[in-house]
Protein backbone atom coordinates (compact mmCIF):
# COMPACT_ATOMS: atom_id res chain seq x y z
CA UNK A 1 0.04 -0.06 0.19
CA UNK A 2 1.30 3.33 -0.96
CA UNK A 3 2.80 5.34 2.38
CA UNK A 4 0.50 8.33 1.96
CA UNK A 5 -2.65 6.01 1.84
CA UNK A 6 -1.26 3.77 4.71
CA UNK A 7 -0.47 7.10 6.76
CA UNK A 8 -4.26 8.35 6.00
CA UNK A 9 -5.65 4.95 6.97
CA UNK A 10 -3.78 4.61 10.45
CA UNK A 11 -4.85 8.42 11.27
CA UNK A 12 -8.38 7.47 10.65
CA UNK A 13 -8.21 4.34 12.76
CA UNK A 14 -6.57 6.43 15.48
CA UNK A 15 -9.36 8.79 15.40
CA UNK A 16 -12.17 6.41 15.37
CA UNK A 17 -10.63 4.60 18.31
CA UNK A 18 -10.45 7.69 20.37
CA UNK A 19 -13.95 8.65 19.37
CA UNK A 20 -15.44 5.15 20.43
CA UNK A 21 -13.55 5.38 23.69
CA UNK A 22 -15.05 8.89 24.37
CA UNK A 23 -18.75 7.84 23.44
CA UNK A 24 -18.45 4.59 25.42
CA UNK A 25 -17.26 6.64 28.72
CA UNK A 26 -20.28 8.99 28.15
CA UNK A 27 -22.83 5.95 27.62
CA UNK A 28 -21.65 4.31 30.78
CA UNK A 29 -22.25 7.54 32.68
CA UNK A 30 -25.77 7.97 31.38
CA UNK A 31 -26.47 4.60 32.17
CA UNK A 32 -25.48 4.98 35.79
CA UNK A 33 -27.49 7.91 36.64
CA UNK A 34 -29.97 8.46 33.87
CA UNK A 35 -32.22 10.88 35.69
CA UNK A 36 -29.47 12.87 37.75
CA UNK A 37 -29.62 16.59 37.54
CA UNK A 38 -28.31 19.12 39.90
CA UNK A 39 -30.43 21.11 42.34
CA UNK A 40 -30.00 24.33 40.36
CA UNK A 41 -31.50 22.50 37.29
CA UNK A 42 -28.33 22.21 35.36
CA UNK A 43 -26.39 18.93 34.31
CA UNK A 44 -25.40 16.83 37.25
CA UNK A 45 -21.82 17.53 38.48
CA UNK A 46 -20.91 14.06 38.26
CA UNK A 47 -21.74 13.77 34.48
CA UNK A 48 -19.80 16.96 33.69
CA UNK A 49 -16.85 15.37 35.68
CA UNK A 50 -17.10 11.95 33.93
CA UNK A 51 -17.33 13.77 30.59
CA UNK A 52 -14.28 15.62 31.28
CA UNK A 53 -12.51 12.55 32.35
CA UNK A 54 -13.43 10.56 29.30
CA UNK A 55 -12.13 13.34 27.03
CA UNK A 56 -8.79 13.41 29.04
CA UNK A 57 -8.19 9.69 28.89
CA UNK A 58 -9.06 9.74 24.85
CA UNK A 59 -5.58 11.63 24.52
CA UNK A 60 -3.39 8.95 25.55
CA UNK A 61 -5.52 6.28 24.03
CA UNK A 62 -5.32 8.03 20.73
CA UNK A 63 -1.72 8.19 20.85
CA UNK A 64 -1.43 4.49 21.95
CA UNK A 65 -3.98 3.33 19.13
CA UNK A 66 -2.18 5.16 16.08
CA UNK A 67 -0.47 8.37 16.93
CA UNK A 68 2.77 6.74 17.97
CA UNK A 69 2.82 4.66 14.80
CA UNK A 70 2.17 7.71 12.71
CA UNK A 71 5.07 9.55 14.57
CA UNK A 72 7.45 6.94 13.67
CA UNK A 73 6.55 6.55 10.07
CA UNK A 74 6.92 10.10 9.57
CA UNK A 75 10.22 9.88 11.08
CA UNK A 76 11.10 7.01 8.83
CA UNK A 77 9.81 9.10 5.82
CA UNK A 78 11.84 11.96 6.88
CA UNK A 79 14.96 9.86 7.05
CA UNK A 80 14.48 8.41 3.41
CA UNK A 81 14.41 12.00 2.35
CA UNK A 82 17.44 13.20 3.87
CA UNK A 83 19.71 10.13 4.27
CA UNK A 84 21.85 8.15 1.34
CA UNK A 85 20.54 4.79 1.25
CA UNK A 86 24.13 3.13 0.83
CA UNK A 87 26.20 4.78 3.25
CA UNK A 88 23.59 6.33 5.93
CA UNK A 89 25.13 9.94 5.87
CA UNK A 90 22.95 12.69 5.16
CA UNK A 91 22.67 13.31 1.43
CA UNK A 92 22.86 16.27 -0.81
CA UNK A 93 19.86 17.97 -0.04
CA UNK A 94 20.59 17.88 3.70
CA UNK A 95 24.09 19.32 3.01
CA UNK A 96 22.82 22.36 1.11
CA UNK A 97 20.58 23.32 4.45
CA UNK A 98 23.22 22.34 6.93
CA UNK A 99 25.71 24.75 4.94
CA UNK A 100 23.48 27.64 4.92
CA UNK A 101 22.50 26.96 8.68
CA UNK A 102 26.23 26.90 9.60
CA UNK A 103 26.90 30.21 7.70
CA UNK A 104 23.91 31.66 9.45
CA UNK A 105 25.09 30.83 12.97
CA UNK A 106 28.86 31.92 12.12
CA UNK A 107 27.53 35.45 11.03
CA UNK A 108 25.47 35.73 14.04
CA UNK A 109 27.98 34.42 16.55
CA UNK A 110 31.28 35.08 14.72
CA UNK A 111 34.22 32.93 14.47
CA UNK A 112 35.07 30.54 11.59
CA UNK A 113 34.44 26.98 10.20
CA UNK A 114 35.98 24.91 7.31
CA UNK A 115 34.07 23.13 4.49
CA UNK A 116 35.79 20.12 3.16
CA UNK A 117 34.73 18.59 -0.21
CA UNK A 118 36.19 14.93 -0.94
CA UNK A 119 36.24 13.03 -4.00
CA UNK A 120 37.25 9.37 -4.48
CA UNK A 121 40.37 9.36 -7.10
CA UNK A 122 39.64 7.24 -10.13
CA UNK A 123 36.44 5.98 -8.92
CA UNK A 124 35.00 5.00 -12.04
CA UNK A 125 38.10 2.56 -12.67
CA UNK A 126 37.39 0.99 -9.31
CA UNK A 127 33.98 0.60 -9.86
CA UNK A 128 34.30 -0.48 -13.40
CA UNK A 129 37.32 -3.03 -12.73
CA UNK A 130 36.11 -4.47 -9.40
CA UNK A 131 32.34 -4.28 -10.04
CA UNK A 132 29.83 -2.36 -8.27
CA UNK A 133 30.27 -4.30 -5.05
CA UNK A 134 33.89 -3.34 -4.89
CA UNK A 135 32.82 0.29 -5.38
CA UNK A 136 30.16 0.42 -2.87
CA UNK A 137 32.49 -1.07 -0.18
CA UNK A 138 34.93 1.67 -0.88
CA UNK A 139 32.02 4.21 -0.35
CA UNK A 140 30.78 2.70 2.75
CA UNK A 141 34.37 2.35 4.22
CA UNK A 142 35.02 6.12 3.53
CA UNK A 143 31.54 7.04 5.24
CA UNK A 144 32.34 4.95 8.31
CA UNK A 145 35.64 6.42 8.60
CA UNK A 146 34.01 10.06 8.18
CA UNK A 147 31.89 9.17 11.32
CA UNK A 148 34.87 8.50 13.61
CA UNK A 149 35.97 12.07 13.17
CA UNK A 150 35.12 14.83 15.84
CA UNK A 151 31.53 14.52 17.26
CA UNK A 152 30.83 18.13 16.07
CA UNK A 153 31.87 17.43 12.34
CA UNK A 154 28.92 16.83 9.89
CA UNK A 155 29.59 14.47 7.08
CA UNK A 156 27.42 13.95 3.99
CA UNK A 157 27.40 12.10 0.61
CA UNK A 158 26.59 14.78 -1.92
CA UNK A 159 27.20 12.49 -5.13
CA UNK A 160 28.21 9.32 -6.47
CA UNK A 161 31.91 9.20 -5.40
CA UNK A 162 31.73 12.82 -3.59
CA UNK A 163 31.56 13.78 0.06
CA UNK A 164 31.42 16.94 2.29
CA UNK A 165 32.53 17.72 5.69
CA UNK A 166 31.40 20.88 7.72
CA UNK A 167 33.83 21.40 10.38
CA UNK A 168 32.62 23.90 12.93
CA UNK A 169 34.91 26.16 14.88
CA UNK A 170 37.79 25.09 12.78
CA UNK A 171 40.36 27.03 11.16
CA UNK A 172 42.41 25.76 7.87
CA UNK A 173 45.34 24.47 9.90
CA UNK A 174 43.35 22.35 12.11
CA UNK A 175 41.14 21.15 9.07
CA UNK A 176 44.20 19.99 7.21
CA UNK A 177 45.46 18.20 10.42
CA UNK A 178 42.08 16.43 10.49
CA UNK A 179 41.98 15.55 7.00
CA UNK A 180 45.42 14.00 7.32
CA UNK A 181 44.39 11.68 10.23
CA UNK A 182 41.39 10.61 8.09
CA UNK A 183 43.67 9.58 4.95
CA UNK A 184 45.93 7.59 7.50
CA UNK A 185 43.05 5.78 9.12
CA UNK A 186 41.16 5.10 5.68
CA UNK A 187 44.12 3.73 3.85
CA UNK A 188 43.81 0.20 4.98
CA UNK A 189 39.85 0.18 4.81
CA UNK A 190 39.54 1.29 1.41
CA UNK A 191 42.08 -0.91 -0.13
CA UNK A 192 44.57 1.57 -1.29
CA UNK A 193 42.19 3.72 -3.05
CA UNK A 194 43.17 7.25 -2.57
CA UNK A 195 40.87 10.51 -2.38
CA UNK A 196 41.45 14.22 -2.92
CA UNK A 197 40.41 16.92 -0.78
CA UNK A 198 39.58 20.80 -1.19
CA UNK A 199 39.36 23.13 1.84
CA UNK A 200 37.92 26.41 2.31
CA UNK A 201 37.30 28.51 5.28
CA UNK A 202 34.14 30.69 6.10
CA UNK A 203 35.32 33.67 8.35
CA UNK A 204 32.49 35.73 9.44
CA UNK A 205 34.55 38.86 9.35
CA UNK A 206 34.71 38.73 5.49
CA UNK A 207 31.06 38.57 4.96
CA UNK A 208 29.74 41.14 2.26
CA UNK A 209 26.70 39.63 1.04
CA UNK A 210 23.63 37.38 2.10
CA UNK A 211 23.56 34.13 3.42
CA UNK A 212 23.01 32.28 0.39
CA UNK A 213 25.39 33.87 -1.64
CA UNK A 214 28.14 33.30 1.09
CA UNK A 215 27.26 29.48 1.19
CA UNK A 216 27.44 29.41 -2.61
CA UNK A 217 30.70 31.25 -2.80
CA UNK A 218 32.08 29.04 -0.14
CA UNK A 219 31.35 26.07 -2.11
CA UNK A 220 32.83 27.35 -5.26
CA UNK A 221 35.95 28.09 -3.53
CA UNK A 222 36.27 24.40 -1.91
CA UNK A 223 35.28 23.02 -5.26
CA UNK A 224 38.15 24.93 -6.90
CA UNK A 225 40.57 23.83 -4.23
CA UNK A 226 39.39 20.32 -5.06
CA UNK A 227 39.79 20.55 -8.95
CA UNK A 228 43.43 21.80 -7.96
CA UNK A 229 44.16 18.81 -5.98
CA UNK A 230 42.98 16.78 -8.97
CA UNK A 231 45.16 18.41 -11.25
CA UNK A 232 48.19 18.10 -9.21
CA UNK A 233 47.84 14.30 -9.78
CA UNK A 234 45.26 13.21 -7.04
CA UNK A 235 45.79 11.87 -3.51
CA UNK A 236 46.22 15.48 -2.52
CA UNK A 237 44.67 18.22 0.13
CA UNK A 238 44.46 21.72 -1.13
CA UNK A 239 43.24 24.83 0.38
CA UNK A 240 41.49 27.73 -1.23
CA UNK A 241 43.78 30.05 0.26
CA UNK A 242 46.93 28.59 -1.34
CA UNK A 243 45.41 29.20 -4.82
CA UNK A 244 43.28 32.41 -4.35
CA UNK A 245 45.59 34.60 -6.04
CA UNK A 246 45.52 32.44 -9.41
CA UNK A 247 41.84 31.17 -9.15
CA UNK A 248 39.29 32.84 -11.07
CA UNK A 249 36.75 33.59 -8.47
CA UNK A 250 37.02 37.33 -8.62
CA UNK A 251 33.43 38.70 -9.42
CA UNK A 252 33.31 42.19 -9.48
CA UNK A 253 30.53 44.26 -7.70
CA UNK A 254 29.69 45.89 -11.16
CA UNK A 255 29.24 42.27 -12.44
CA UNK A 256 26.99 41.35 -9.83
CA UNK A 257 24.96 44.57 -10.35
CA UNK A 258 24.61 43.92 -13.98
CA UNK A 259 23.36 40.54 -13.18
CA UNK A 260 20.58 41.74 -11.14
CA UNK A 261 19.67 44.25 -13.62
CA UNK A 262 19.72 41.54 -16.38
CA UNK A 263 17.43 39.15 -14.16
CA UNK A 264 14.88 41.89 -13.44
CA UNK A 265 14.58 43.46 -17.09
CA UNK A 266 15.14 39.93 -18.85
CA UNK A 267 16.86 41.59 -21.80
CA UNK A 268 18.64 38.48 -22.96
CA UNK A 269 19.38 37.60 -26.49
CA UNK A 270 20.26 34.48 -28.26
CA UNK A 271 22.75 33.39 -31.37
CA UNK A 272 22.94 30.16 -33.12
CA UNK A 273 25.68 28.49 -34.55
CA UNK A 274 25.59 25.76 -37.46
CA UNK A 275 26.71 21.93 -37.16
CA UNK A 276 27.57 20.46 -40.37
CA UNK A 277 27.42 17.08 -41.51
CA UNK A 278 31.18 16.51 -42.87
CA UNK A 279 29.95 13.96 -45.32
CA UNK A 280 27.13 15.23 -46.92
CA UNK A 281 27.76 18.84 -46.18
CA UNK A 282 24.12 19.53 -45.02
CA UNK A 283 23.36 21.26 -41.81
CA UNK A 284 22.53 18.71 -38.80
CA UNK A 285 21.23 21.63 -36.61
CA UNK A 286 22.11 24.71 -34.55
CA UNK A 287 23.48 25.43 -31.29
CA UNK A 288 21.74 28.04 -29.45
CA UNK A 289 24.07 30.26 -27.47
CA UNK A 290 22.22 32.94 -24.84
CA UNK A 291 23.91 36.43 -25.30
CA UNK A 292 23.21 39.25 -22.52
CA UNK A 293 22.41 42.57 -23.99
CA UNK A 294 25.37 44.84 -24.82
CA UNK A 295 23.88 47.37 -22.35
CA UNK A 296 24.47 45.66 -19.14
CA UNK A 297 28.54 45.53 -19.70
CA UNK A 298 28.83 41.76 -19.20
CA UNK A 299 31.98 40.05 -20.99
CA UNK A 300 29.62 37.25 -22.20
CA UNK A 301 27.54 34.04 -20.78
CA UNK A 302 30.15 33.00 -18.36
CA UNK A 303 30.62 36.43 -16.85
CA UNK A 304 26.77 36.30 -16.29
CA UNK A 305 26.72 33.02 -14.75
CA UNK A 306 29.75 33.97 -12.57
CA UNK A 307 27.42 36.63 -11.00
CA UNK A 308 24.49 34.63 -10.76
CA UNK A 309 26.48 32.13 -8.59
CA UNK A 310 27.43 34.97 -6.32
CA UNK A 311 23.88 35.73 -6.06
CA UNK A 312 22.65 32.39 -5.68
CA UNK A 313 20.40 32.71 -8.95
CA UNK A 314 21.91 30.43 -11.40
CA UNK A 315 18.67 28.54 -11.87
CA UNK A 316 16.78 31.86 -12.64
CA UNK A 317 19.56 32.75 -15.38
CA UNK A 318 19.58 29.26 -16.96
CA UNK A 319 15.93 29.38 -17.25
CA UNK A 320 16.00 33.08 -18.76
CA UNK A 321 18.84 31.49 -21.35
CA UNK A 322 16.75 28.51 -22.23
CA UNK A 323 13.62 30.96 -22.74
CA UNK A 324 15.50 33.33 -25.17
CA UNK A 325 16.87 30.68 -27.05
CA UNK A 326 13.48 28.50 -27.49
CA UNK A 327 11.57 31.79 -28.30
CA UNK A 328 13.78 32.60 -31.14
CA UNK A 329 14.14 29.02 -32.38
CA UNK A 330 10.25 28.60 -32.77
CA UNK A 331 10.58 28.52 -36.55
CA UNK A 332 13.49 26.26 -36.79
CA UNK A 333 13.46 24.27 -40.15
CA UNK A 334 11.72 20.88 -39.89
CA UNK A 335 15.07 19.08 -40.91
CA UNK A 336 17.08 20.87 -38.39
CA UNK A 337 17.90 20.06 -34.52
CA UNK A 338 18.28 22.61 -31.88
CA UNK A 339 21.38 21.94 -29.52
CA UNK A 340 20.36 23.49 -26.15
CA UNK A 341 22.90 23.52 -23.09
CA UNK A 342 21.35 23.11 -19.93
CA UNK A 343 23.36 24.20 -16.48
CA UNK A 344 24.28 21.09 -14.41
CA UNK A 345 22.13 22.51 -11.39
CA UNK A 346 19.09 21.88 -13.54
CA UNK A 347 19.58 18.16 -13.27
CA UNK A 348 20.13 17.29 -9.65
CA UNK A 349 17.75 19.81 -7.83
CA UNK A 350 14.91 17.33 -7.53
CA UNK A 351 11.38 17.58 -8.99
CA UNK A 352 10.59 16.55 -12.48
CA UNK A 353 13.06 18.56 -14.74
CA UNK A 354 12.19 16.39 -17.78
CA UNK A 355 8.85 17.49 -17.49
CA UNK A 356 9.54 21.11 -17.04
CA UNK A 357 11.74 21.13 -20.15
CA UNK A 358 9.10 19.27 -22.34
CA UNK A 359 6.86 22.17 -21.18
CA UNK A 360 9.21 24.92 -22.05
CA UNK A 361 10.09 23.44 -25.53
CA UNK A 362 6.47 22.74 -26.33
CA UNK A 363 5.31 26.42 -25.24
CA UNK A 364 8.14 27.65 -28.05
CA UNK A 365 6.25 25.67 -30.56
CA UNK A 366 8.94 22.80 -30.69
CA UNK A 367 8.77 19.13 -29.94
CA UNK A 368 11.24 17.10 -27.82
CA UNK A 369 12.44 15.11 -30.51
CA UNK A 370 13.71 18.19 -32.38
CA UNK A 371 15.91 19.11 -29.31
CA UNK A 372 19.29 17.74 -28.37
CA UNK A 373 20.07 18.38 -24.78
CA UNK A 374 23.86 19.12 -24.29
CA UNK A 375 25.01 17.62 -20.87
CA UNK A 376 28.09 19.36 -19.57
CA UNK A 377 31.40 17.86 -17.63
CA UNK A 378 30.14 19.62 -14.63
CA UNK A 379 26.84 17.89 -14.63
CA UNK A 380 28.49 14.47 -15.27
CA UNK A 381 30.34 14.79 -12.03
CA UNK A 382 27.03 14.04 -10.15
CA UNK A 383 26.22 11.09 -12.45
CA UNK A 384 24.55 9.01 -9.81
CA UNK A 385 22.19 11.95 -8.73
CA UNK A 386 21.24 12.98 -12.22
CA UNK A 387 21.02 9.74 -14.24
CA UNK A 388 17.31 9.33 -13.55
CA UNK A 389 16.40 12.87 -14.86
CA UNK A 390 18.83 12.29 -17.94
CA UNK A 391 17.25 8.92 -18.93
CA UNK A 392 13.81 10.50 -18.30
CA UNK A 393 14.53 13.06 -20.92
CA UNK A 394 15.27 10.48 -23.29
CA UNK A 395 12.09 8.80 -22.76
CA UNK A 396 10.27 12.06 -23.20
CA UNK A 397 11.68 11.98 -26.79
CA UNK A 398 14.93 14.48 -26.22
CA UNK A 399 17.97 13.55 -27.74
CA UNK A 400 21.38 13.77 -25.53
CA UNK A 401 24.86 15.02 -26.32
CA UNK A 402 27.71 14.88 -24.07
CA UNK A 403 29.87 17.87 -24.23
CA UNK A 404 33.51 18.81 -24.18
CA UNK A 405 34.41 14.81 -24.12
CA UNK A 406 37.99 14.63 -23.47
CA UNK A 407 38.53 17.83 -21.66
CA UNK A 408 38.81 18.23 -17.79
CA UNK A 409 37.06 15.93 -15.75
CA UNK A 410 34.56 14.68 -18.75
CA UNK A 411 35.79 11.35 -18.42
CA UNK A 412 35.34 8.48 -21.33
CA UNK A 413 33.55 6.19 -18.84
CA UNK A 414 30.83 8.41 -19.07
CA UNK A 415 30.01 7.53 -22.65
CA UNK A 416 28.77 4.27 -21.53
CA UNK A 417 26.61 5.52 -18.50
CA UNK A 418 25.04 8.46 -20.46
CA UNK A 419 24.71 6.74 -23.84
CA UNK A 420 24.59 9.90 -25.84
CA UNK A 421 23.18 10.11 -29.26
CA UNK A 422 25.89 12.92 -29.93
CA UNK A 423 29.64 12.97 -28.58
CA UNK A 424 30.82 16.43 -28.92
CA UNK A 425 34.90 15.94 -28.88
CA UNK A 426 36.81 19.11 -27.34
CA UNK A 427 39.38 20.26 -29.96
CA UNK A 428 42.08 19.96 -27.43
CA UNK A 429 41.80 16.09 -27.60
CA UNK A 430 42.75 16.28 -31.14
CA UNK A 431 45.64 18.71 -30.83
CA UNK A 432 47.08 16.46 -28.03
CA UNK A 433 46.70 13.52 -30.23
CA UNK A 434 49.23 14.71 -32.68
CA UNK A 435 52.06 13.57 -30.51
CA UNK A 436 50.53 10.26 -29.65
CA UNK A 437 50.25 9.04 -25.93
CA UNK A 438 47.17 9.81 -23.84
CA UNK A 439 45.71 12.14 -26.41
CA UNK A 440 45.58 9.55 -29.03
CA UNK A 441 44.28 6.96 -26.46
CA UNK A 442 41.38 9.45 -25.60
CA UNK A 443 40.64 9.99 -29.18
CA UNK A 444 40.67 6.32 -29.99
CA UNK A 445 38.57 5.35 -27.32
CA UNK A 446 35.73 8.29 -28.43
CA UNK A 447 35.60 7.29 -32.24
CA UNK A 448 35.70 3.67 -31.50
CA UNK A 449 32.78 3.92 -29.10
CA UNK A 450 30.99 6.02 -31.50
CA UNK A 451 31.45 3.51 -34.33
CA UNK A 452 30.16 0.50 -32.01
CA UNK A 453 27.10 2.65 -30.39
CA UNK A 454 26.16 4.58 -33.39
CA UNK A 455 26.53 7.96 -31.98
CA UNK A 456 27.30 10.73 -33.99
CA UNK A 457 30.78 12.41 -33.21
CA UNK A 458 30.80 16.38 -33.57
CA UNK A 459 34.33 18.07 -33.50
CA UNK A 460 34.30 21.37 -31.82
CA UNK A 461 36.43 24.32 -32.49
CA UNK A 462 37.10 23.97 -36.10
CA UNK A 463 38.77 27.42 -36.78
CA UNK A 464 41.01 26.62 -39.72
CA UNK A 465 41.20 24.19 -42.65
CA UNK A 466 44.25 22.75 -41.05
CA UNK A 467 42.37 22.03 -37.98
CA UNK A 468 39.44 20.24 -39.93
CA UNK A 469 41.87 18.06 -42.12
CA UNK A 470 43.75 16.81 -39.15
CA UNK A 471 40.54 15.77 -37.36
CA UNK A 472 39.16 13.92 -40.27
CA UNK A 473 42.79 12.38 -40.77
CA UNK A 474 43.26 11.58 -36.96
CA UNK A 475 39.81 9.48 -37.13
CA UNK A 476 40.94 7.51 -40.13
CA UNK A 477 44.25 6.45 -38.88
CA UNK A 478 42.64 4.90 -35.93
CA UNK A 479 40.03 3.00 -37.87
CA UNK A 480 38.25 2.82 -41.20
CA UNK A 481 35.07 2.93 -39.51
CA UNK A 482 35.90 5.74 -37.07
CA UNK A 483 35.19 9.40 -38.59
CA UNK A 484 33.92 12.64 -37.37
CA UNK A 485 30.35 13.02 -38.75
CA UNK A 486 29.69 16.41 -37.39
CA UNK A 487 31.89 19.60 -37.29
CA UNK A 488 31.20 23.10 -35.45
CA UNK A 489 33.62 26.20 -35.44
CA UNK A 490 34.25 29.57 -37.06
CA UNK A 491 35.52 28.07 -40.13
CA UNK A 492 32.20 26.77 -40.94
CA UNK A 493 29.98 29.49 -39.33
CA UNK A 494 30.04 31.77 -36.55
CA UNK A 495 27.22 32.29 -33.98
CA UNK A 496 24.59 34.67 -35.57
CA UNK A 497 21.98 36.46 -33.89
CA UNK A 498 19.94 36.55 -36.88
CA UNK A 499 18.99 32.86 -36.96
CA UNK A 500 20.71 31.41 -40.21
CA UNK A 501 17.65 29.61 -41.56
CA UNK A 502 15.95 32.85 -41.86
CA UNK A 503 18.20 34.08 -44.63
CA UNK A 504 16.82 35.04 -48.09
CA UNK A 505 18.93 32.09 -49.44
CA UNK A 506 19.58 28.62 -48.29
CA UNK A 507 22.82 28.15 -45.78
CA UNK A 508 25.25 26.43 -47.96
CA UNK A 509 28.65 24.53 -47.16
CA UNK A 510 31.23 27.42 -46.62
CA UNK A 511 34.18 25.56 -48.14
CA UNK A 512 35.07 25.36 -51.91
CA UNK A 513 36.07 21.71 -51.96
CA UNK A 514 34.89 18.53 -50.23
CA UNK A 515 36.76 17.33 -47.20
């Protein structure tokens, strides 16, 4: 029976039980003294006393008959919503609330606390080579180690192989010492698997914006430190203070003000860049790119999203970008696809993101099968959280593209998990493949996966004919079946605020000869 129906049934049973008890008490009193009235003509004091006693007794009976069960069930449901089923730690949603609460308390009472973000190194390899059981064992053992820390510290599992620890009343030096102790105690437990840690401190003296903004900034700083730990070769502990000078976290007050104005006035433009079939020289589709109006003084979309992150309004800006693109693409030709970027937060915020996106697309006059959702490397970091929403989008008719494959942390192993219809390869992968080594191995894995799965490979960043010829040649040296079907870049067409399909003449292949 569904939990909601069972809950209502128990509530009804408890109420009926209490009511029966009260009625039985009243009937017993009536049967004992049916004619008794007071000398003053009012109700017999004994009857009044008996009725009052019956009502008072009904309260504990109500509790015993059902309310205690209901309270227990409510607690169990609350645990399911806030606890991770595998490790027993509090989950991503609990972490967000706890972090904001810690910020509020530190703002109010002063002091400092440290946030630690932890990521298991090469967990995809552990999970794939040893099986899910071994991968789960690593996560469970790491969670157990996190519980053995200080009683005031709070640990969370925020993603597939990602954890967070809020360390109250702790400066960076103390946090580093605590993490080093954790690393020593977990080495044997997790079978030699290592993990990287990024640390960021929240100091109440540096607060200059609202609570939600500060929580967002702190999370960004810890994430930046974690990425630096990964870049240094993994199995490292990095603090944001170490890299503050080089980290691109400097969001000016002017940028934040401009984003506020942008979200208030909603003057967001859009540009469209063609994606070509390199075999037929026909347009596959267009990637929609949001462009803030020039009057705001923003350098571009990245500048806008940087300011939105400081304001805690990334979801709002992302929705505005989608609306701007979809509105202008309403008359997209029937034989062309729209490639639509979606911010990573859209997938893992709960609810039904697929249904929401379908409503947005259909409101613009398009159908889901005409739209390709581009999943960024950032979204793929939370694959365990977003896998469900992503597959729901596929079931609703959307196509899926994995963007920037091969760059940064966009791991090749994600191809089999996402099963994209389109694989967009970062230009840096092909450039590094010229010298062989890792670059060639990455390129080989991508094009061979596409050859076996039927996914369409799209090469990004094609700016010169030399790059285009090298892309095609690099694929052919790997396998006769391996090839780049699609291409996108300035050589083949720049982003245009006037949708290219509305031109007086049809869009034609821009190069004089076949490639």
